[in-house]
Amino acid sequence: MRVNVNAQHCIGAGQCVLIAPEVFDQSDEGTVMVLVETLDDSAQAVAREAVVACPSRSISLAEG
């Protein structure tokens, strides 16, 4: 599973970082950054939570 983000759409709420700090971080501008683009099984569940929690819907997951 791969993580996709739209940093230009991100509002910098930081929910993704709070939920999955091993997958996400914030840039100096406050927008989402992906630390691990391809998720192993253990990271998939928290990444899914981050997708749901993102208020701007800037994060998505894709198989592959």
C-alpha atoms as a PDB file:
ATOM      1  CA  MET A   1       0.000   0.000   0.000  1.00  0.00           C
ATOM      2  CA  ARG A   2       1.261   3.469  -0.911  1.00  0.00           C
ATOM      3  CA  VAL A   3       0.572   6.837   0.687  1.00  0.00           C
ATOM      4  CA  ASN A   4      -0.339   9.788  -1.517  1.00  0.00           C
ATOM      5  CA  VAL A   5      -0.597  13.358  -0.247  1.00  0.00           C
ATOM      6  CA  ASN A   6      -1.618  16.666  -1.731  1.00  0.00           C
ATOM      7  CA  ALA A   7       0.537  19.073   0.286  1.00  0.00           C
ATOM      8  CA  GLN A   8      -0.906  22.082  -1.544  1.00  0.00           C
ATOM      9  CA  HIS A   9      -4.373  21.131  -0.324  1.00  0.00           C
ATOM     10  CA  CYS A  10      -3.167  20.476   3.255  1.00  0.00           C
ATOM     11  CA  ILE A  11      -4.296  22.981   5.905  1.00  0.00           C
ATOM     12  CA  GLY A  12      -1.645  21.933   8.453  1.00  0.00           C
ATOM     13  CA  ALA A  13      -3.974  20.546  11.114  1.00  0.00           C
ATOM     14  CA  GLY A  14      -1.373  17.911  12.023  1.00  0.00           C
ATOM     15  CA  GLN A  15      -3.824  15.107  12.781  1.00  0.00           C
ATOM     16  CA  CYS A  16      -1.848  12.736  10.567  1.00  0.00           C
ATOM     17  CA  VAL A  17       1.330  13.365  12.551  1.00  0.00           C
ATOM     18  CA  LEU A  18      -0.450  12.853  15.866  1.00  0.00           C
ATOM     19  CA  ILE A  19      -1.984   9.572  14.703  1.00  0.00           C
ATOM     20  CA  ALA A  20       0.894   8.140  12.655  1.00  0.00           C
ATOM     21  CA  PRO A  21       4.201   9.895  13.426  1.00  0.00           C
ATOM     22  CA  GLU A  22       6.100   6.975  11.905  1.00  0.00           C
ATOM     23  CA  VAL A  23       4.446   7.712   8.543  1.00  0.00           C
ATOM     24  CA  PHE A  24       3.876  11.492   8.496  1.00  0.00           C
ATOM     25  CA  ASP A  25       5.619  14.703   9.494  1.00  0.00           C
ATOM     26  CA  GLN A  26       5.050  18.382   8.813  1.00  0.00           C
ATOM     27  CA  SER A  27       7.254  20.620   6.711  1.00  0.00           C
ATOM     28  CA  ASP A  28       8.560  23.959   7.964  1.00  0.00           C
ATOM     29  CA  GLU A  29       5.476  25.478   6.324  1.00  0.00           C
ATOM     30  CA  GLY A  30       3.241  23.143   8.336  1.00  0.00           C
ATOM     31  CA  THR A  31       2.037  20.960   5.489  1.00  0.00           C
ATOM     32  CA  VAL A  32       2.044  17.181   5.430  1.00  0.00           C
ATOM     33  CA  MET A  33       5.147  15.229   4.438  1.00  0.00           C
ATOM     34  CA  VAL A  34       5.332  11.469   3.954  1.00  0.00           C
ATOM     35  CA  LEU A  35       8.172   9.707   5.723  1.00  0.00           C
ATOM     36  CA  VAL A  36       7.356   6.220   4.405  1.00  0.00           C
ATOM     37  CA  GLU A  37       5.631   5.990   1.036  1.00  0.00           C
ATOM     38  CA  THR A  38       5.195   2.211   0.948  1.00  0.00           C
ATOM     39  CA  LEU A  39       3.503   0.885   4.070  1.00  0.00           C
ATOM     40  CA  ASP A  40       4.073  -2.477   5.668  1.00  0.00           C
ATOM     41  CA  ASP A  41       1.201  -4.268   7.377  1.00  0.00           C
ATOM     42  CA  SER A  42       1.813  -2.682  10.767  1.00  0.00           C
ATOM     43  CA  ALA A  43       1.657   0.891   9.417  1.00  0.00           C
ATOM     44  CA  GLN A  44      -1.435   0.412   7.264  1.00  0.00           C
ATOM     45  CA  ALA A  45      -3.949   0.593  10.116  1.00  0.00           C
ATOM     46  CA  VAL A  46      -2.632   3.872  11.524  1.00  0.00           C
ATOM     47  CA  ALA A  47      -2.325   5.351   8.041  1.00  0.00           C
ATOM     48  CA  ARG A  48      -5.994   4.537   7.423  1.00  0.00           C
ATOM     49  CA  GLU A  49      -6.877   6.347  10.658  1.00  0.00           C
ATOM     50  CA  ALA A  50      -4.898   9.371   9.476  1.00  0.00           C
ATOM     51  CA  VAL A  51      -6.760   9.406   6.150  1.00  0.00           C
ATOM     52  CA  VAL A  52     -10.101   9.502   7.992  1.00  0.00           C
ATOM     53  CA  ALA A  53      -8.906  12.165  10.465  1.00  0.00           C
ATOM     54  CA  CYS A  54      -7.504  14.550   7.843  1.00  0.00           C
ATOM     55  CA  PRO A  55      -9.889  17.537   7.755  1.00  0.00           C
ATOM     56  CA  SER A  56      -8.779  18.658   4.283  1.00  0.00           C
ATOM     57  CA  ARG A  57      -8.769  15.134   2.787  1.00  0.00           C
ATOM     58  CA  SER A  58      -5.204  15.654   1.618  1.00  0.00           C
ATOM     59  CA  ILE A  59      -4.129  12.059   2.237  1.00  0.00           C
ATOM     60  CA  SER A  60      -5.100   8.948   0.316  1.00  0.00           C
ATOM     61  CA  LEU A  61      -3.938   5.343   0.166  1.00  0.00           C
ATOM     62  CA  ALA A  62      -3.524   3.193  -2.930  1.00  0.00           C
ATOM     63  CA  GLU A  63      -2.843  -0.490  -3.376  1.00  0.00           C
ATOM     64  CA  GLY A  64       0.481  -1.337  -4.868  1.00  0.00           C
END
